[in-house]
Amino acid sequence: MRFVRFFLWVVPLAVVLLLWNGAGSLYVIRNYEFLNNGDPYNPFATRYYTSCTFTNFRDTVTVPARGGRCGWIRVFWAGGAS
């Protein structure tokens, strides 16, 4: 019975890992493609984004832009769908 307490940390760690992987992971924008309207180097030009690439510490996901916009952070569920 004395050794059981040494393995009690496994249960909370398993719960955290299941929630982390099951509830989705946070991804941060890494790259994007856009239509530049003939002025690609002007930061104030109107841009219509066509695809967004998000990354986290495990993998990278590329998705079409929603309404011509890309967010900074996005949550993806298992399988890459959000």
Protein backbone atom coordinates (compact mmCIF):
# COMPACT_ATOMS: atom_id res chain seq x y z
CA MET A 1 0.00 0.00 0.00
CA ARG A 2 2.97 2.29 0.53
CA PHE A 3 3.90 2.22 -3.15
CA VAL A 4 0.45 3.22 -4.37
CA ARG A 5 1.02 6.86 -3.49
CA PHE A 6 4.05 6.99 -5.79
CA PHE A 7 1.78 6.28 -8.76
CA LEU A 8 -1.06 8.64 -7.84
CA TRP A 9 0.33 11.30 -10.18
CA VAL A 10 -0.43 9.05 -13.16
CA VAL A 11 -4.20 9.49 -12.85
CA PRO A 12 -4.25 13.34 -13.01
CA LEU A 13 -1.69 13.30 -15.80
CA ALA A 14 -3.78 10.84 -17.81
CA VAL A 15 -6.89 12.99 -17.32
CA VAL A 16 -5.06 16.13 -18.47
CA LEU A 17 -3.67 14.37 -21.55
CA LEU A 18 -7.09 12.96 -22.47
CA LEU A 19 -8.70 16.37 -22.15
CA TRP A 20 -5.88 18.04 -24.09
CA ASN A 21 -6.10 15.61 -27.00
CA GLY A 22 -9.86 15.12 -26.92
CA ALA A 23 -10.90 18.74 -26.51
CA GLY A 24 -8.70 20.04 -29.30
CA SER A 25 -5.40 21.82 -29.45
CA LEU A 26 -4.52 25.47 -29.90
CA TYR A 27 -2.78 26.37 -33.14
CA VAL A 28 -1.06 29.67 -33.95
CA ILE A 29 -0.96 31.25 -37.41
CA ARG A 30 2.32 30.57 -39.20
CA ASN A 31 1.68 31.42 -42.83
CA TYR A 32 -1.07 32.70 -45.10
CA GLU A 33 -1.73 33.31 -48.76
CA PHE A 34 -3.70 36.26 -50.05
CA LEU A 35 -4.72 38.16 -53.16
CA ASN A 36 -2.65 41.34 -53.07
CA ASN A 37 -4.60 43.52 -55.53
CA GLY A 38 -1.38 44.38 -57.40
CA ASP A 39 0.39 45.90 -54.38
CA PRO A 40 2.01 43.02 -52.41
CA TYR A 41 4.40 45.13 -50.30
CA ASN A 42 1.93 47.73 -49.09
CA PRO A 43 0.84 46.79 -45.56
CA PHE A 44 -2.25 49.00 -45.86
CA ALA A 45 -3.55 47.45 -49.10
CA THR A 46 -6.81 45.52 -48.90
CA ARG A 47 -6.09 41.80 -48.86
CA TYR A 48 -8.36 38.82 -49.38
CA TYR A 49 -6.83 35.76 -47.70
CA THR A 50 -7.24 32.45 -49.53
CA SER A 51 -5.56 29.97 -47.17
CA CYS A 52 -4.22 29.94 -43.62
CA THR A 53 -1.53 27.67 -42.16
CA PHE A 54 -1.64 27.06 -38.42
CA THR A 55 0.94 25.22 -36.33
CA ASN A 56 1.46 23.95 -32.80
CA PHE A 57 4.17 21.85 -31.18
CA ARG A 58 3.01 18.64 -32.90
CA ASP A 59 1.86 19.37 -36.43
CA THR A 60 0.71 21.89 -39.02
CA VAL A 61 -2.76 22.37 -40.55
CA THR A 62 -3.60 24.35 -43.70
CA VAL A 63 -7.23 25.38 -44.18
CA PRO A 64 -9.12 27.73 -46.51
CA ALA A 65 -9.67 31.20 -45.09
CA ARG A 66 -13.09 31.96 -43.63
CA GLY A 67 -14.64 34.91 -45.42
CA GLY A 68 -11.26 36.05 -46.69
CA ARG A 69 -9.81 36.39 -43.18
CA CYS A 70 -7.32 34.44 -41.05
CA GLY A 71 -7.34 34.49 -37.27
CA TRP A 72 -4.27 34.55 -35.05
CA ILE A 73 -5.23 31.51 -32.95
CA ARG A 74 -7.51 28.60 -33.78
CA VAL A 75 -8.60 25.36 -32.08
CA PHE A 76 -8.55 22.18 -34.14
CA TRP A 77 -10.12 18.94 -33.00
CA ALA A 78 -8.57 15.54 -33.65
CA GLY A 79 -8.35 14.93 -37.38
CA GLY A 80 -7.71 18.57 -38.29
CA ALA A 81 -11.35 19.69 -38.45
CA SER A 82 -12.48 22.72 -36.50
